[in-house]
Amino acid sequence: MKIRLKEILEDKGISQKELSLRTGYTEAAISRYVSGARRGSIATWIIIADALGVKLDELIVSDDYCNICMRVRDDSCKRCVHGKTKR
């Protein structure tokens, strides 16, 4: 499982401080979620997803999910590099 929090924050131009204000979590807690030092409960991730305006499944994805073409990785993919490289 992969948490895409850092990527989504960057894509949306939202700072960790802003996310902290939107969720009510401390900046330190948000920093730990971003770095992966803290896992968080499913309730936490629902709150964060809502604050970011994304679906939960956009925030938490499988290890085999490609963030480039937004689909499950497979060797036959023609949309991005993961289909052209060995895993």
PDB file of N, CA and C in Angstrom:
ATOM      1  N   MET A   1       0.841  -1.180   0.000  1.00  0.00           N
ATOM      2  CA  MET A   1       0.000   0.000   0.000  1.00  0.00           C
ATOM      3  C   MET A   1       0.882   1.237   0.000  1.00  0.00           C
ATOM      4  N   LYS A   2       0.473   2.226  -0.764  1.00  0.00           N
ATOM      5  CA  LYS A   2       1.220   3.472  -0.843  1.00  0.00           C
ATOM      6  C   LYS A   2       0.280   4.634  -0.553  1.00  0.00           C
ATOM      7  N   ILE A   3       0.777   5.572   0.226  1.00  0.00           N
ATOM      8  CA  ILE A   3       0.040   6.797   0.508  1.00  0.00           C
ATOM      9  C   ILE A   3       0.599   7.886  -0.399  1.00  0.00           C
ATOM     10  N   ARG A   4      -0.255   8.516  -1.172  1.00  0.00           N
ATOM     11  CA  ARG A   4       0.166   9.528  -2.142  1.00  0.00           C
ATOM     12  C   ARG A   4       0.040  10.952  -1.601  1.00  0.00           C
ATOM     13  N   LEU A   5       0.099  11.131  -0.302  1.00  0.00           N
ATOM     14  CA  LEU A   5      -0.148  12.433   0.304  1.00  0.00           C
ATOM     15  C   LEU A   5       0.805  13.509  -0.216  1.00  0.00           C
ATOM     16  N   LYS A   6       2.082  13.225  -0.218  1.00  0.00           N
ATOM     17  CA  LYS A   6       3.063  14.222  -0.666  1.00  0.00           C
ATOM     18  C   LYS A   6       2.803  14.633  -2.115  1.00  0.00           C
ATOM     19  N   GLU A   7       2.551  13.648  -2.972  1.00  0.00           N
ATOM     20  CA  GLU A   7       2.294  13.928  -4.390  1.00  0.00           C
ATOM     21  C   GLU A   7       1.042  14.792  -4.575  1.00  0.00           C
ATOM     22  N   ILE A   8      -0.004  14.477  -3.855  1.00  0.00           N
ATOM     23  CA  ILE A   8      -1.257  15.224  -3.999  1.00  0.00           C
ATOM     24  C   ILE A   8      -1.095  16.644  -3.481  1.00  0.00           C
ATOM     25  N   LEU A   9      -0.401  16.805  -2.357  1.00  0.00           N
ATOM     26  CA  LEU A   9      -0.143  18.154  -1.848  1.00  0.00           C
ATOM     27  C   LEU A   9       0.601  18.984  -2.894  1.00  0.00           C
ATOM     28  N   GLU A  10       1.637  18.398  -3.488  1.00  0.00           N
ATOM     29  CA  GLU A  10       2.407  19.114  -4.512  1.00  0.00           C
ATOM     30  C   GLU A  10       1.543  19.425  -5.730  1.00  0.00           C
ATOM     31  N   ASP A  11       0.776  18.448  -6.205  1.00  0.00           N
ATOM     32  CA  ASP A  11      -0.080  18.647  -7.378  1.00  0.00           C
ATOM     33  C   ASP A  11      -1.097  19.763  -7.164  1.00  0.00           C
ATOM     34  N   LYS A  12      -1.648  19.840  -5.967  1.00  0.00           N
ATOM     35  CA  LYS A  12      -2.685  20.826  -5.676  1.00  0.00           C
ATOM     36  C   LYS A  12      -2.123  22.141  -5.142  1.00  0.00           C
ATOM     37  N   GLY A  13      -0.816  22.184  -4.891  1.00  0.00           N
ATOM     38  CA  GLY A  13      -0.191  23.400  -4.365  1.00  0.00           C
ATOM     39  C   GLY A  13      -0.633  23.730  -2.946  1.00  0.00           C
ATOM     40  N   ILE A  14      -0.880  22.694  -2.169  1.00  0.00           N
ATOM     41  CA  ILE A  14      -1.322  22.870  -0.786  1.00  0.00           C
ATOM     42  C   ILE A  14      -0.148  22.572   0.144  1.00  0.00           C
ATOM     43  N   SER A  15       0.099  23.465   1.071  1.00  0.00           N
ATOM     44  CA  SER A  15       1.187  23.256   2.022  1.00  0.00           C
ATOM     45  C   SER A  15       0.724  22.344   3.158  1.00  0.00           C
ATOM     46  N   GLN A  16       1.691  21.808   3.875  1.00  0.00           N
ATOM     47  CA  GLN A  16       1.363  20.994   5.041  1.00  0.00           C
ATOM     48  C   GLN A  16       0.639  21.844   6.086  1.00  0.00           C
ATOM     49  N   LYS A  17       1.018  23.107   6.194  1.00  0.00           N
ATOM     50  CA  LYS A  17       0.360  24.006   7.140  1.00  0.00           C
ATOM     51  C   LYS A  17      -1.116  24.190   6.768  1.00  0.00           C
ATOM     52  N   GLU A  18      -1.388  24.385   5.487  1.00  0.00           N
ATOM     53  CA  GLU A  18      -2.768  24.543   5.026  1.00  0.00           C
ATOM     54  C   GLU A  18      -3.572  23.272   5.294  1.00  0.00           C
ATOM     55  N   LEU A  19      -2.979  22.116   5.032  1.00  0.00           N
ATOM     56  CA  LEU A  19      -3.673  20.861   5.305  1.00  0.00           C
ATOM     57  C   LEU A  19      -3.945  20.724   6.800  1.00  0.00           C
ATOM     58  N   SER A  20      -3.017  21.155   7.596  1.00  0.00           N
ATOM     59  CA  SER A  20      -3.200  21.140   9.048  1.00  0.00           C
ATOM     60  C   SER A  20      -4.423  21.975   9.447  1.00  0.00           C
ATOM     61  N   LEU A  21      -4.540  23.138   8.874  1.00  0.00           N
ATOM     62  CA  LEU A  21      -5.686  24.013   9.166  1.00  0.00           C
ATOM     63  C   LEU A  21      -6.995  23.396   8.682  1.00  0.00           C
ATOM     64  N   ARG A  22      -6.974  22.751   7.532  1.00  0.00           N
ATOM     65  CA  ARG A  22      -8.186  22.143   6.970  1.00  0.00           C
ATOM     66  C   ARG A  22      -8.661  20.926   7.757  1.00  0.00           C
ATOM     67  N   THR A  23      -7.706  20.189   8.348  1.00  0.00           N
ATOM     68  CA  THR A  23      -8.060  18.938   9.027  1.00  0.00           C
ATOM     69  C   THR A  23      -8.172  19.063  10.539  1.00  0.00           C
ATOM     70  N   GLY A  24      -7.502  20.047  11.113  1.00  0.00           N
ATOM     71  CA  GLY A  24      -7.461  20.162  12.571  1.00  0.00           C
ATOM     72  C   GLY A  24      -6.329  19.361  13.198  1.00  0.00           C
ATOM     73  N   TYR A  25      -5.552  18.665  12.369  1.00  0.00           N
ATOM     74  CA  TYR A  25      -4.373  17.953  12.873  1.00  0.00           C
ATOM     75  C   TYR A  25      -3.215  18.935  12.986  1.00  0.00           C
ATOM     76  N   THR A  26      -2.277  18.659  13.876  1.00  0.00           N
ATOM     77  CA  THR A  26      -1.124  19.549  14.030  1.00  0.00           C
ATOM     78  C   THR A  26      -0.226  19.456  12.800  1.00  0.00           C
ATOM     79  N   GLU A  27       0.578  20.496  12.599  1.00  0.00           N
ATOM     80  CA  GLU A  27       1.538  20.463  11.496  1.00  0.00           C
ATOM     81  C   GLU A  27       2.516  19.314  11.675  1.00  0.00           C
ATOM     82  N   ALA A  28       2.881  19.017  12.914  1.00  0.00           N
ATOM     83  CA  ALA A  28       3.797  17.911  13.190  1.00  0.00           C
ATOM     84  C   ALA A  28       3.177  16.579  12.766  1.00  0.00           C
ATOM     85  N   ALA A  29       1.897  16.389  13.060  1.00  0.00           N
ATOM     86  CA  ALA A  29       1.215  15.154  12.666  1.00  0.00           C
ATOM     87  C   ALA A  29       1.159  15.037  11.143  1.00  0.00           C
ATOM     88  N   ILE A  30       0.812  16.121  10.467  1.00  0.00           N
ATOM     89  CA  ILE A  30       0.757  16.111   9.003  1.00  0.00           C
ATOM     90  C   ILE A  30       2.128  15.779   8.428  1.00  0.00           C
ATOM     91  N   SER A  31       3.165  16.361   8.996  1.00  0.00           N
ATOM     92  CA  SER A  31       4.525  16.087   8.547  1.00  0.00           C
ATOM     93  C   SER A  31       4.857  14.604   8.677  1.00  0.00           C
ATOM     94  N   ARG A  32       4.425  13.989   9.768  1.00  0.00           N
ATOM     95  CA  ARG A  32       4.678  12.556   9.969  1.00  0.00           C
ATOM     96  C   ARG A  32       3.896  11.700   8.966  1.00  0.00           C
ATOM     97  N   TYR A  33       2.667  12.123   8.640  1.00  0.00           N
ATOM     98  CA  TYR A  33       1.888  11.399   7.628  1.00  0.00           C
ATOM     99  C   TYR A  33       2.557  11.511   6.262  1.00  0.00           C
ATOM    100  N   VAL A  34       3.028  12.711   5.935  1.00  0.00           N
ATOM    101  CA  VAL A  34       3.682  12.940   4.639  1.00  0.00           C
ATOM    102  C   VAL A  34       4.951  12.112   4.518  1.00  0.00           C
ATOM    103  N   SER A  35       5.735  12.061   5.578  1.00  0.00           N
ATOM    104  CA  SER A  35       7.006  11.334   5.536  1.00  0.00           C
ATOM    105  C   SER A  35       6.840   9.826   5.660  1.00  0.00           C
ATOM    106  N   GLY A  36       5.666   9.398   6.110  1.00  0.00           N
ATOM    107  CA  GLY A  36       5.433   7.972   6.310  1.00  0.00           C
ATOM    108  C   GLY A  36       5.826   7.496   7.698  1.00  0.00           C
ATOM    109  N   ALA A  37       6.245   8.417   8.552  1.00  0.00           N
ATOM    110  CA  ALA A  37       6.635   8.054   9.915  1.00  0.00           C
ATOM    111  C   ALA A  37       5.427   7.684  10.769  1.00  0.00           C
ATOM    112  N   ARG A  38       4.266   8.115  10.345  1.00  0.00           N
ATOM    113  CA  ARG A  38       3.024   7.809  11.048  1.00  0.00           C
ATOM    114  C   ARG A  38       2.034   7.239  10.042  1.00  0.00           C
ATOM    115  N   ARG A  39       1.362   6.158  10.410  1.00  0.00           N
ATOM    116  CA  ARG A  39       0.419   5.491   9.502  1.00  0.00           C
ATOM    117  C   ARG A  39      -0.960   6.136   9.501  1.00  0.00           C
ATOM    118  N   GLY A  40      -1.557   6.298  10.643  1.00  0.00           N
ATOM    119  CA  GLY A  40      -2.895   6.870  10.729  1.00  0.00           C
ATOM    120  C   GLY A  40      -3.983   5.826  10.518  1.00  0.00           C
ATOM    121  N   SER A  41      -5.123   6.096  11.073  1.00  0.00           N
ATOM    122  CA  SER A  41      -6.274   5.197  10.939  1.00  0.00           C
ATOM    123  C   SER A  41      -7.009   5.500   9.642  1.00  0.00           C
ATOM    124  N   ILE A  42      -7.916   4.638   9.279  1.00  0.00           N
ATOM    125  CA  ILE A  42      -8.720   4.870   8.076  1.00  0.00           C
ATOM    126  C   ILE A  42      -9.556   6.142   8.250  1.00  0.00           C
ATOM    127  N   ALA A  43     -10.011   6.412   9.458  1.00  0.00           N
ATOM    128  CA  ALA A  43     -10.770   7.645   9.723  1.00  0.00           C
ATOM    129  C   ALA A  43      -9.908   8.878   9.454  1.00  0.00           C
ATOM    130  N   THR A  44      -8.644   8.812   9.831  1.00  0.00           N
ATOM    131  CA  THR A  44      -7.712   9.914   9.571  1.00  0.00           C
ATOM    132  C   THR A  44      -7.569  10.155   8.079  1.00  0.00           C
ATOM    133  N   TRP A  45      -7.403   9.071   7.318  1.00  0.00           N
ATOM    134  CA  TRP A  45      -7.216   9.221   5.876  1.00  0.00           C
ATOM    135  C   TRP A  45      -8.480   9.704   5.176  1.00  0.00           C
ATOM    136  N   ILE A  46      -9.626   9.374   5.710  1.00  0.00           N
ATOM    137  CA  ILE A  46     -10.879   9.900   5.154  1.00  0.00           C
ATOM    138  C   ILE A  46     -10.944  11.407   5.369  1.00  0.00           C
ATOM    139  N   ILE A  47     -10.581  11.863   6.549  1.00  0.00           N
ATOM    140  CA  ILE A  47     -10.570  13.305   6.850  1.00  0.00           C
ATOM    141  C   ILE A  47      -9.586  14.028   5.938  1.00  0.00           C
ATOM    142  N   ILE A  48      -8.405  13.454   5.771  1.00  0.00           N
ATOM    143  CA  ILE A  48      -7.392  14.077   4.920  1.00  0.00           C
ATOM    144  C   ILE A  48      -7.851  14.098   3.453  1.00  0.00           C
ATOM    145  N   ALA A  49      -8.404  12.998   2.980  1.00  0.00           N
ATOM    146  CA  ALA A  49      -8.902  12.954   1.596  1.00  0.00           C
ATOM    147  C   ALA A  49      -9.980  14.011   1.383  1.00  0.00           C
ATOM    148  N   ASP A  50     -10.914  14.130   2.328  1.00  0.00           N
ATOM    149  CA  ASP A  50     -11.959  15.150   2.217  1.00  0.00           C
ATOM    150  C   ASP A  50     -11.365  16.553   2.183  1.00  0.00           C
ATOM    151  N   ALA A  51     -10.376  16.799   3.033  1.00  0.00           N
ATOM    152  CA  ALA A  51      -9.740  18.116   3.089  1.00  0.00           C
ATOM    153  C   ALA A  51      -9.013  18.447   1.791  1.00  0.00           C
ATOM    154  N   LEU A  52      -8.530  17.425   1.113  1.00  0.00           N
ATOM    155  CA  LEU A  52      -7.821  17.623  -0.155  1.00  0.00           C
ATOM    156  C   LEU A  52      -8.753  17.613  -1.359  1.00  0.00           C
ATOM    157  N   GLY A  53      -9.995  17.207  -1.147  1.00  0.00           N
ATOM    158  CA  GLY A  53     -10.948  17.138  -2.249  1.00  0.00           C
ATOM    159  C   GLY A  53     -10.671  15.984  -3.197  1.00  0.00           C
ATOM    160  N   VAL A  54     -10.157  14.879  -2.638  1.00  0.00           N
ATOM    161  CA  VAL A  54      -9.895  13.688  -3.452  1.00  0.00           C
ATOM    162  C   VAL A  54     -10.619  12.496  -2.850  1.00  0.00           C
ATOM    163  N   LYS A  55     -10.793  11.465  -3.654  1.00  0.00           N
ATOM    164  CA  LYS A  55     -11.377  10.224  -3.152  1.00  0.00           C
ATOM    165  C   LYS A  55     -10.312   9.470  -2.363  1.00  0.00           C
ATOM    166  N   LEU A  56     -10.759   8.688  -1.412  1.00  0.00           N
ATOM    167  CA  LEU A  56      -9.836   7.913  -0.595  1.00  0.00           C
ATOM    168  C   LEU A  56      -8.960   7.006  -1.443  1.00  0.00           C
ATOM    169  N   ASP A  57      -9.525   6.417  -2.496  1.00  0.00           N
ATOM    170  CA  ASP A  57      -8.728   5.514  -3.329  1.00  0.00           C
ATOM    171  C   ASP A  57      -7.711   6.245  -4.204  1.00  0.00           C
ATOM    172  N   GLU A  58      -7.803   7.561  -4.306  1.00  0.00           N
ATOM    173  CA  GLU A  58      -6.771   8.339  -4.984  1.00  0.00           C
ATOM    174  C   GLU A  58      -5.605   8.610  -4.041  1.00  0.00           C
ATOM    175  N   LEU A  59      -5.901   8.639  -2.760  1.00  0.00           N
ATOM    176  CA  LEU A  59      -4.896   8.930  -1.740  1.00  0.00           C
ATOM    177  C   LEU A  59      -4.138   7.676  -1.326  1.00  0.00           C
ATOM    178  N   ILE A  60      -4.854   6.581  -1.185  1.00  0.00           N
ATOM    179  CA  ILE A  60      -4.249   5.316  -0.768  1.00  0.00           C
ATOM    180  C   ILE A  60      -4.371   4.339  -1.925  1.00  0.00           C
ATOM    181  N   VAL A  61      -3.243   3.926  -2.445  1.00  0.00           N
ATOM    182  CA  VAL A  61      -3.247   3.045  -3.612  1.00  0.00           C
ATOM    183  C   VAL A  61      -2.398   1.799  -3.373  1.00  0.00           C
ATOM    184  N   SER A  62      -2.639   0.791  -4.165  1.00  0.00           N
ATOM    185  CA  SER A  62      -1.879  -0.458  -4.121  1.00  0.00           C
ATOM    186  C   SER A  62      -0.445  -0.208  -4.570  1.00  0.00           C
ATOM    187  N   ASP A  63       0.480  -1.034  -4.134  1.00  0.00           N
ATOM    188  CA  ASP A  63       1.867  -0.933  -4.580  1.00  0.00           C
ATOM    189  C   ASP A  63       1.989  -1.150  -6.078  1.00  0.00           C
ATOM    190  N   ASP A  64       1.029  -1.834  -6.670  1.00  0.00           N
ATOM    191  CA  ASP A  64       1.060  -2.098  -8.099  1.00  0.00           C
ATOM    192  C   ASP A  64       0.304  -1.059  -8.912  1.00  0.00           C
ATOM    193  N   TYR A  65      -0.017   0.061  -8.312  1.00  0.00           N
ATOM    194  CA  TYR A  65      -0.758   1.122  -8.984  1.00  0.00           C
ATOM    195  C   TYR A  65       0.222   2.114  -9.583  1.00  0.00           C
ATOM    196  N   CYS A  66      -0.009   2.517 -10.802  1.00  0.00           N
ATOM    197  CA  CYS A  66       0.857   3.478 -11.474  1.00  0.00           C
ATOM    198  C   CYS A  66       0.272   4.880 -11.345  1.00  0.00           C
ATOM    199  N   ASN A  67       1.024   5.771 -10.762  1.00  0.00           N
ATOM    200  CA  ASN A  67       0.561   7.148 -10.603  1.00  0.00           C
ATOM    201  C   ASN A  67       0.723   7.960 -11.886  1.00  0.00           C
ATOM    202  N   ILE A  68       1.384   7.396 -12.864  1.00  0.00           N
ATOM    203  CA  ILE A  68       1.563   8.097 -14.132  1.00  0.00           C
ATOM    204  C   ILE A  68       0.328   7.924 -15.009  1.00  0.00           C
ATOM    205  N   CYS A  69      -0.056   6.678 -15.227  1.00  0.00           N
ATOM    206  CA  CYS A  69      -1.210   6.452 -16.106  1.00  0.00           C
ATOM    207  C   CYS A  69      -2.482   6.152 -15.308  1.00  0.00           C
ATOM    208  N   MET A  70      -2.381   6.174 -13.974  1.00  0.00           N
ATOM    209  CA  MET A  70      -3.537   6.033 -13.080  1.00  0.00           C
ATOM    210  C   MET A  70      -4.271   4.713 -13.273  1.00  0.00           C
ATOM    211  N   ARG A  71      -3.510   3.625 -13.363  1.00  0.00           N
ATOM    212  CA  ARG A  71      -4.109   2.315 -13.469  1.00  0.00           C
ATOM    213  C   ARG A  71      -3.149   1.275 -12.905  1.00  0.00           C
ATOM    214  N   VAL A  72      -3.603   0.065 -12.794  1.00  0.00           N
ATOM    215  CA  VAL A  72      -2.771  -1.014 -12.273  1.00  0.00           C
ATOM    216  C   VAL A  72      -1.622  -1.267 -13.239  1.00  0.00           C
ATOM    217  N   ARG A  73      -0.434  -1.417 -12.667  1.00  0.00           N
ATOM    218  CA  ARG A  73       0.747  -1.676 -13.493  1.00  0.00           C
ATOM    219  C   ARG A  73       0.641  -3.021 -14.186  1.00  0.00           C
ATOM    220  N   ASP A  74       1.041  -3.059 -15.445  1.00  0.00           N
ATOM    221  CA  ASP A  74       1.214  -4.328 -16.140  1.00  0.00           C
ATOM    222  C   ASP A  74       2.277  -4.136 -17.218  1.00  0.00           C
ATOM    223  N   ASP A  75       2.909  -5.215 -17.604  1.00  0.00           N
ATOM    224  CA  ASP A  75       4.025  -5.132 -18.537  1.00  0.00           C
ATOM    225  C   ASP A  75       3.620  -4.715 -19.939  1.00  0.00           C
ATOM    226  N   SER A  76       2.360  -4.760 -20.258  1.00  0.00           N
ATOM    227  CA  SER A  76       1.922  -4.406 -21.602  1.00  0.00           C
ATOM    228  C   SER A  76       1.469  -2.951 -21.721  1.00  0.00           C
ATOM    229  N   CYS A  77       1.623  -2.176 -20.653  1.00  0.00           N
ATOM    230  CA  CYS A  77       1.163  -0.785 -20.671  1.00  0.00           C
ATOM    231  C   CYS A  77       1.904   0.022 -21.732  1.00  0.00           C
ATOM    232  N   LYS A  78       1.160   0.746 -22.521  1.00  0.00           N
ATOM    233  CA  LYS A  78       1.738   1.596 -23.564  1.00  0.00           C
ATOM    234  C   LYS A  78       1.681   3.074 -23.171  1.00  0.00           C
ATOM    235  N   ARG A  79       1.126   3.354 -22.010  1.00  0.00           N
ATOM    236  CA  ARG A  79       0.920   4.745 -21.604  1.00  0.00           C
ATOM    237  C   ARG A  79       2.118   5.368 -20.902  1.00  0.00           C
ATOM    238  N   CYS A  80       2.961   4.536 -20.285  1.00  0.00           N
ATOM    239  CA  CYS A  80       4.059   5.109 -19.509  1.00  0.00           C
ATOM    240  C   CYS A  80       5.236   4.142 -19.431  1.00  0.00           C
ATOM    241  N   VAL A  81       6.254   4.513 -18.715  1.00  0.00           N
ATOM    242  CA  VAL A  81       7.497   3.745 -18.683  1.00  0.00           C
ATOM    243  C   VAL A  81       7.390   2.419 -17.969  1.00  0.00           C
ATOM    244  N   HIS A  82       6.428   2.225 -17.080  1.00  0.00           N
ATOM    245  CA  HIS A  82       6.429   0.964 -16.336  1.00  0.00           C
ATOM    246  C   HIS A  82       6.185  -0.243 -17.225  1.00  0.00           C
ATOM    247  N   GLY A  83       5.587  -0.053 -18.369  1.00  0.00           N
ATOM    248  CA  GLY A  83       5.383  -1.160 -19.292  1.00  0.00           C
ATOM    249  C   GLY A  83       6.650  -1.474 -20.092  1.00  0.00           C
ATOM    250  N   LYS A  84       7.623  -0.563 -20.039  1.00  0.00           N
ATOM    251  CA  LYS A  84       8.844  -0.724 -20.812  1.00  0.00           C
ATOM    252  C   LYS A  84      10.026  -1.175 -19.960  1.00  0.00           C
ATOM    253  N   THR A  85       9.824  -1.281 -18.663  1.00  0.00           N
ATOM    254  CA  THR A  85      10.919  -1.666 -17.776  1.00  0.00           C
ATOM    255  C   THR A  85      10.558  -2.911 -16.985  1.00  0.00           C
ATOM    256  N   LYS A  86      11.556  -3.616 -16.541  1.00  0.00           N
ATOM    257  CA  LYS A  86      11.343  -4.783 -15.691  1.00  0.00           C
ATOM    258  C   LYS A  86      11.091  -4.312 -14.274  1.00  0.00           C
ATOM    259  N   ARG A  87      10.180  -5.004 -13.582  1.00  0.00           N
ATOM    260  CA  ARG A  87       9.891  -4.646 -12.198  1.00  0.00           C
ATOM    261  C   ARG A  87      10.854  -5.319 -11.275  1.00  0.00           C
TER     262      ARG A  87
END
